Amino acid sequence: MGLMSHTVVAELVAAVMKVEVAVGQRVSAEDPVVILESMKMEIPVLAEVSGAVAEIVVAAGDVVNDGDPLVVIAPDGR
């Protein structure tokens, strides 16, 4: 599965406050890709792999559930 894209998912029910990346942008592991808001707290969602943003699935204002896809990253090392 090493060559497949990597999907960053929500880990809780929350509102999408801000998308921090754009399609084609390079990210490193631990870079924030989306900021979620839950119970008045800002929760940064971090990239788990380094690579290029292939797809942004959500937009600011969306409500996501646990496990919903947020951002798809094409990992380095293809």
Protein backbone atom coordinates (compact mmCIF):
# COMPACT_ATOMS: atom_id res chain seq x y z
CA MET A 1 0.00 0.00 0.00
CA GLY A 2 3.07 2.25 0.09
CA LEU A 3 2.32 3.89 -3.26
CA MET A 4 -1.30 4.72 -2.53
CA SER A 5 -2.57 8.15 -1.60
CA HIS A 6 -3.01 8.89 2.09
CA THR A 7 -6.31 10.24 3.38
CA VAL A 8 -6.34 12.46 6.47
CA VAL A 9 -9.59 11.84 8.37
CA ALA A 10 -11.49 13.59 11.15
CA GLU A 11 -11.13 12.01 14.58
CA LEU A 12 -14.26 13.57 16.06
CA VAL A 13 -17.51 15.29 15.17
CA ALA A 14 -16.61 18.93 14.49
CA ALA A 15 -17.05 21.90 12.20
CA VAL A 16 -14.37 22.73 9.64
CA MET A 17 -13.08 26.13 10.69
CA LYS A 18 -10.33 26.59 8.12
CA VAL A 19 -8.55 24.65 5.38
CA GLU A 20 -4.83 25.39 5.69
CA VAL A 21 -3.62 23.87 2.38
CA ALA A 22 -4.29 24.05 -1.36
CA VAL A 23 -4.28 21.32 -4.01
CA GLY A 24 -0.72 20.83 -5.25
CA GLN A 25 0.83 22.30 -2.10
CA ARG A 26 3.71 20.37 -0.55
CA VAL A 27 3.23 19.36 3.07
CA SER A 28 5.46 17.68 5.62
CA ALA A 29 4.34 15.20 8.25
CA GLU A 30 2.98 17.16 11.22
CA ASP A 31 1.96 20.19 9.12
CA PRO A 32 -1.59 21.37 9.91
CA VAL A 33 -3.92 20.72 6.96
CA VAL A 34 -7.31 21.58 8.47
CA ILE A 35 -8.45 23.38 11.62
CA LEU A 36 -11.57 21.86 13.19
CA GLU A 37 -13.74 23.54 15.82
CA SER A 38 -15.50 21.53 18.50
CA MET A 39 -16.96 22.82 21.75
CA LYS A 40 -15.30 26.24 21.19
CA MET A 41 -11.85 24.65 20.87
CA GLU A 42 -9.65 24.86 17.77
CA ILE A 43 -8.25 21.45 16.87
CA PRO A 44 -5.49 21.32 14.24
CA VAL A 45 -5.51 18.18 12.09
CA LEU A 46 -1.97 17.31 11.02
CA ALA A 47 -0.64 15.60 7.92
CA GLU A 48 0.63 12.13 8.79
CA VAL A 49 2.88 11.86 5.73
CA SER A 50 4.99 14.20 3.62
CA GLY A 51 3.87 14.77 0.05
CA ALA A 52 1.64 16.87 -2.17
CA VAL A 53 -2.01 17.69 -1.49
CA ALA A 54 -3.98 15.76 -4.13
CA GLU A 55 -7.53 16.60 -3.07
CA ILE A 56 -9.35 18.70 -0.49
CA VAL A 57 -12.60 16.99 0.46
CA VAL A 58 -14.04 19.57 2.86
CA ALA A 59 -14.60 23.33 2.97
CA ALA A 60 -14.86 25.83 5.82
CA GLY A 61 -18.28 25.54 7.42
CA ASP A 62 -18.70 21.81 6.72
CA VAL A 63 -19.59 19.53 9.62
CA VAL A 64 -17.63 16.28 9.72
CA ASN A 65 -18.05 13.04 11.63
CA ASP A 66 -15.44 10.72 13.08
CA GLY A 67 -13.71 8.99 10.16
CA ASP A 68 -14.81 11.44 7.44
CA PRO A 69 -12.09 12.22 4.88
CA LEU A 70 -10.64 15.75 5.00
CA VAL A 71 -7.61 15.91 2.72
CA VAL A 72 -5.90 13.41 0.40
CA ILE A 73 -2.09 13.51 0.21
CA ALA A 74 0.04 11.87 -2.49
CA PRO A 75 3.04 10.70 -0.43
CA ASP A 76 6.65 11.32 -1.39
CA GLY A 77 8.71 8.37 -2.58
CA ARG A 78 6.64 7.25 -5.57
